[in-house]
C-alpha atoms as a PDB file:
ATOM      1  CA  MET A   1      70.086  82.620 121.931  1.00  0.00           C
ATOM      2  CA  LEU A   2      66.623  83.651 120.791  1.00  0.00           C
ATOM      3  CA  GLY A   3      65.099  81.487 123.541  1.00  0.00           C
ATOM      4  CA  LEU A   4      67.137  83.300 126.201  1.00  0.00           C
ATOM      5  CA  LEU A   5      66.049  86.666 124.827  1.00  0.00           C
ATOM      6  CA  ILE A   6      62.403  85.566 124.954  1.00  0.00           C
ATOM      7  CA  LEU A   7      62.769  84.364 128.565  1.00  0.00           C
ATOM      8  CA  ILE A   8      64.389  87.630 129.652  1.00  0.00           C
ATOM      9  CA  SER A   9      61.691  89.687 127.932  1.00  0.00           C
ATOM     10  CA  ILE A  10      58.914  87.589 129.527  1.00  0.00           C
ATOM     11  CA  ALA A  11      60.537  88.057 132.951  1.00  0.00           C
ATOM     12  CA  ALA A  12      60.813  91.830 132.389  1.00  0.00           C
ATOM     13  CA  VAL A  13      57.170  92.095 131.310  1.00  0.00           C
ATOM     14  CA  SER A  14      56.102  90.002 134.331  1.00  0.00           C
ATOM     15  CA  PHE A  15      57.971  92.249 136.756  1.00  0.00           C
ATOM     16  CA  GLY A  16      56.516  95.331 135.115  1.00  0.00           C
ATOM     17  CA  ALA A  17      52.987  93.916 135.304  1.00  0.00           C
ATOM     18  CA  GLY A  18      53.480  93.047 138.975  1.00  0.00           C
ATOM     19  CA  TYR A  19      54.674  96.514 139.907  1.00  0.00           C
ATOM     20  CA  TRP A  20      51.881  98.110 137.845  1.00  0.00           C
ATOM     21  CA  THR A  21      49.263  95.980 139.619  1.00  0.00           C
ATOM     22  CA  ARG A  22      50.736  96.795 143.025  1.00  0.00           C
ATOM     23  CA  GLU A  23      50.715 100.522 142.251  1.00  0.00           C
ATOM     24  CA  ARG A  24      47.115 100.383 140.996  1.00  0.00           C
ATOM     25  CA  ILE A  25      45.907  98.598 144.137  1.00  0.00           C
ATOM     26  CA  SER A  26      47.777 101.064 146.372  1.00  0.00           C
ATOM     27  CA  ARG A  27      46.278 104.039 144.544  1.00  0.00           C
ATOM     28  CA  LYS A  28      42.776 102.604 144.904  1.00  0.00           C
ATOM     29  CA  ARG A  29      43.351 101.980 148.610  1.00  0.00           C
ATOM     30  CA  ARG A  30      44.625 105.542 149.160  1.00  0.00           C
ATOM     31  CA  ALA A  31      41.722 107.026 147.210  1.00  0.00           C
ATOM     32  CA  HIS A  32      39.244 104.996 149.262  1.00  0.00           C
ATOM     33  CA  TYR A  33      40.872 106.132 152.512  1.00  0.00           C
ATOM     34  CA  LEU A  34      40.964 109.779 151.438  1.00  0.00           C
ATOM     35  CA  LYS A  35      37.290 109.633 150.539  1.00  0.00           C
ATOM     36  CA  TRP A  36      36.432 108.499 154.087  1.00  0.00           C
ATOM     37  CA  GLU A  37      39.135 110.475 155.912  1.00  0.00           C
ATOM     38  CA  PRO A  38      36.795 113.174 157.305  1.00  0.00           C
ATOM     39  CA  TYR A  39      34.657 110.470 158.931  1.00  0.00           C
ATOM     40  CA  VAL A  40      37.403 108.226 160.302  1.00  0.00           C
ATOM     41  CA  ARG A  41      39.158 109.105 163.519  1.00  0.00           C
ATOM     42  CA  SER A  42      42.699 107.843 163.935  1.00  0.00           C
ATOM     43  CA  SER A  43      43.323 105.507 166.839  1.00  0.00           C
ATOM     44  CA  PRO A  44      45.075 107.079 169.833  1.00  0.00           C
ATOM     45  CA  ARG A  45      48.710 106.193 170.323  1.00  0.00           C
ATOM     46  CA  PRO A  46      49.471 104.173 173.451  1.00  0.00           C
ATOM     47  CA  THR A  47      51.248 106.050 176.215  1.00  0.00           C
ATOM     48  CA  GLN A  48      53.363 103.061 177.253  1.00  0.00           C
ATOM     49  CA  PRO A  49      55.580 101.000 174.954  1.00  0.00           C
ATOM     50  CA  PRO A  50      54.669  97.331 174.463  1.00  0.00           C
ATOM     51  CA  ALA A  51      55.724  95.002 177.256  1.00  0.00           C
ATOM     52  CA  PHE A  52      58.232  93.133 175.108  1.00  0.00           C
ATOM     53  CA  LEU A  53      60.175  96.382 174.585  1.00  0.00           C
ATOM     54  CA  VAL A  54      60.383  97.282 178.284  1.00  0.00           C
ATOM     55  CA  HIS A  55      63.549  95.999 179.931  1.00  0.00           C
ATOM     56  CA  PRO A  56      63.390  95.269 183.662  1.00  0.00           C
ATOM     57  CA  THR A  57      65.494  97.516 185.835  1.00  0.00           C
ATOM     58  CA  GLN A  58      68.773  95.909 186.701  1.00  0.00           C
ATOM     59  CA  THR A  59      69.796  95.462 190.304  1.00  0.00           C
ATOM     60  CA  LYS A  60      73.035  97.016 191.361  1.00  0.00           C
ATOM     61  CA  GLN A  61      75.752  94.429 191.127  1.00  0.00           C
ATOM     62  CA  ARG A  62      79.378  94.831 191.861  1.00  0.00           C
ATOM     63  CA  PRO A  63      81.488  94.965 188.708  1.00  0.00           C
ATOM     64  CA  TYR A  64      83.806  92.120 187.856  1.00  0.00           C
ATOM     65  CA  ALA A  65      87.255  92.281 186.345  1.00  0.00           C
ATOM     66  CA  VAL A  66      88.001  90.533 183.074  1.00  0.00           C
ATOM     67  CA  ASP A  67      89.428  87.454 184.804  1.00  0.00           C
ATOM     68  CA  GLY A  68      86.280  87.019 186.947  1.00  0.00           C
ATOM     69  CA  ALA A  69      87.740  88.391 190.184  1.00  0.00           C
ATOM     70  CA  ARG A  70      85.807  91.078 192.017  1.00  0.00           C
ATOM     71  CA  VAL A  71      86.945  94.640 191.571  1.00  0.00           C
ATOM     72  CA  ALA A  72      88.044  96.187 194.839  1.00  0.00           C
ATOM     73  CA  SER A  73      85.722  98.932 196.001  1.00  0.00           C
ATOM     74  CA  GLY A  74      87.131 102.198 197.301  1.00  0.00           C
ATOM     75  CA  ARG A  75      85.574 101.793 200.732  1.00  0.00           C
END
């Protein structure tokens, strides 16, 4: 039972140390960016979406019924 308690406490301390390290690195990165912010220009946003997000326009096709037969047009 004592061994299980030791393992759980080691796991908890490890998770805490990992999150603390991650937070410290993020704070340093933000501080570094904020120090240089007046000198860094943000990159312009693209006017067009990426090609893989653009769907080709569909050609007009006649609709089909559920059973695969063509739907009668009103003409």
